[in-house]
């Protein structure tokens, strides 16, 4: 994975993807009206996939997804 060097202000409604949990339910973790710090990094191992990072003072979320946010997969959601 490339080195993350900057964080950008991101609107929740733009980055709030729906993830499927192991029990089959689908859930969104972010508030569409909030602003988060984050960035997108292209995967060096899998062509066409990106890593997304979003955080605020209370949590960090790391995910992977395809172009236009398709097929998102939650990697880590860690609250303080």
Protein backbone atom coordinates (compact mmCIF):
# COMPACT_ATOMS: atom_id res chain seq x y z
CA UNK A 1 0.00 0.00 0.00
CA UNK A 2 1.37 3.44 -0.82
CA UNK A 3 2.35 5.78 1.98
CA UNK A 4 -0.45 8.07 3.21
CA UNK A 5 0.96 11.60 3.35
CA UNK A 6 -2.08 13.89 3.53
CA UNK A 7 -5.60 13.92 4.89
CA UNK A 8 -8.38 15.87 3.20
CA UNK A 9 -11.70 17.16 4.50
CA UNK A 10 -14.39 14.80 3.15
CA UNK A 11 -18.17 15.16 3.43
CA UNK A 12 -19.79 12.07 4.95
CA UNK A 13 -22.49 11.88 2.28
CA UNK A 14 -19.79 11.49 -0.38
CA UNK A 15 -17.85 8.70 1.36
CA UNK A 16 -20.51 6.93 3.44
CA UNK A 17 -20.63 3.50 1.82
CA UNK A 18 -22.80 0.58 2.88
CA UNK A 19 -20.85 -2.47 4.08
CA UNK A 20 -22.07 -6.04 4.40
CA UNK A 21 -21.36 -7.52 7.84
CA UNK A 22 -20.55 -11.22 8.42
CA UNK A 23 -24.16 -11.83 9.54
CA UNK A 24 -25.42 -10.59 6.16
CA UNK A 25 -26.84 -7.26 7.34
CA UNK A 26 -25.76 -4.06 5.61
CA UNK A 27 -24.71 -0.96 7.53
CA UNK A 28 -23.33 2.55 7.07
CA UNK A 29 -20.95 3.84 9.74
CA UNK A 30 -20.70 7.55 8.90
CA UNK A 31 -22.99 10.55 9.24
CA UNK A 32 -23.88 11.98 5.81
CA UNK A 33 -23.89 15.53 7.22
CA UNK A 34 -20.53 15.36 9.03
CA UNK A 35 -17.05 16.17 7.74
CA UNK A 36 -14.20 13.69 8.19
CA UNK A 37 -10.47 13.60 7.53
CA UNK A 38 -9.46 11.00 4.99
CA UNK A 39 -7.96 10.01 1.70
CA UNK A 40 -7.99 7.39 -1.04
CA UNK A 41 -5.00 5.25 -2.01
CA UNK A 42 -4.77 3.04 -5.08
CA UNK A 43 -3.95 -0.58 -4.31
CA UNK A 44 -0.52 -1.67 -5.51
CA UNK A 45 -1.55 -5.34 -5.39
CA UNK A 46 -4.99 -5.38 -6.99
CA UNK A 47 -5.63 -3.33 -10.11
CA UNK A 48 -8.86 -1.33 -10.01
CA UNK A 49 -9.19 -1.35 -6.18
CA UNK A 50 -8.56 1.47 -3.76
CA UNK A 51 -8.18 1.84 -0.04
CA UNK A 52 -10.22 4.49 1.72
CA UNK A 53 -9.38 6.00 5.08
CA UNK A 54 -11.80 8.18 7.08
CA UNK A 55 -11.47 9.40 10.65
CA UNK A 56 -12.51 11.95 13.23
CA UNK A 57 -11.68 12.35 16.92
CA UNK A 58 -13.78 9.26 17.78
CA UNK A 59 -12.88 6.57 15.21
CA UNK A 60 -10.86 5.43 12.21
CA UNK A 61 -12.35 3.50 9.29
CA UNK A 62 -10.30 1.68 6.64
CA UNK A 63 -11.97 0.03 3.67
CA UNK A 64 -11.34 -1.16 0.15
CA UNK A 65 -13.54 -0.70 -2.91
CA UNK A 66 -13.63 -0.66 -6.70
CA UNK A 67 -14.11 2.30 -9.02
CA UNK A 68 -16.99 4.62 -8.03
CA UNK A 69 -17.24 2.98 -4.59
CA UNK A 70 -18.50 -0.33 -5.98
CA UNK A 71 -18.19 -3.51 -3.88
CA UNK A 72 -16.94 -1.88 -0.67
CA UNK A 73 -15.36 -4.09 1.99
CA UNK A 74 -14.76 -2.93 5.53
CA UNK A 75 -11.24 -3.69 6.79
CA UNK A 76 -11.19 -1.86 10.15
CA UNK A 77 -13.61 0.28 12.12
CA UNK A 78 -12.03 1.21 15.44
CA UNK A 79 -13.69 3.51 18.00
CA UNK A 80 -11.83 5.14 20.89
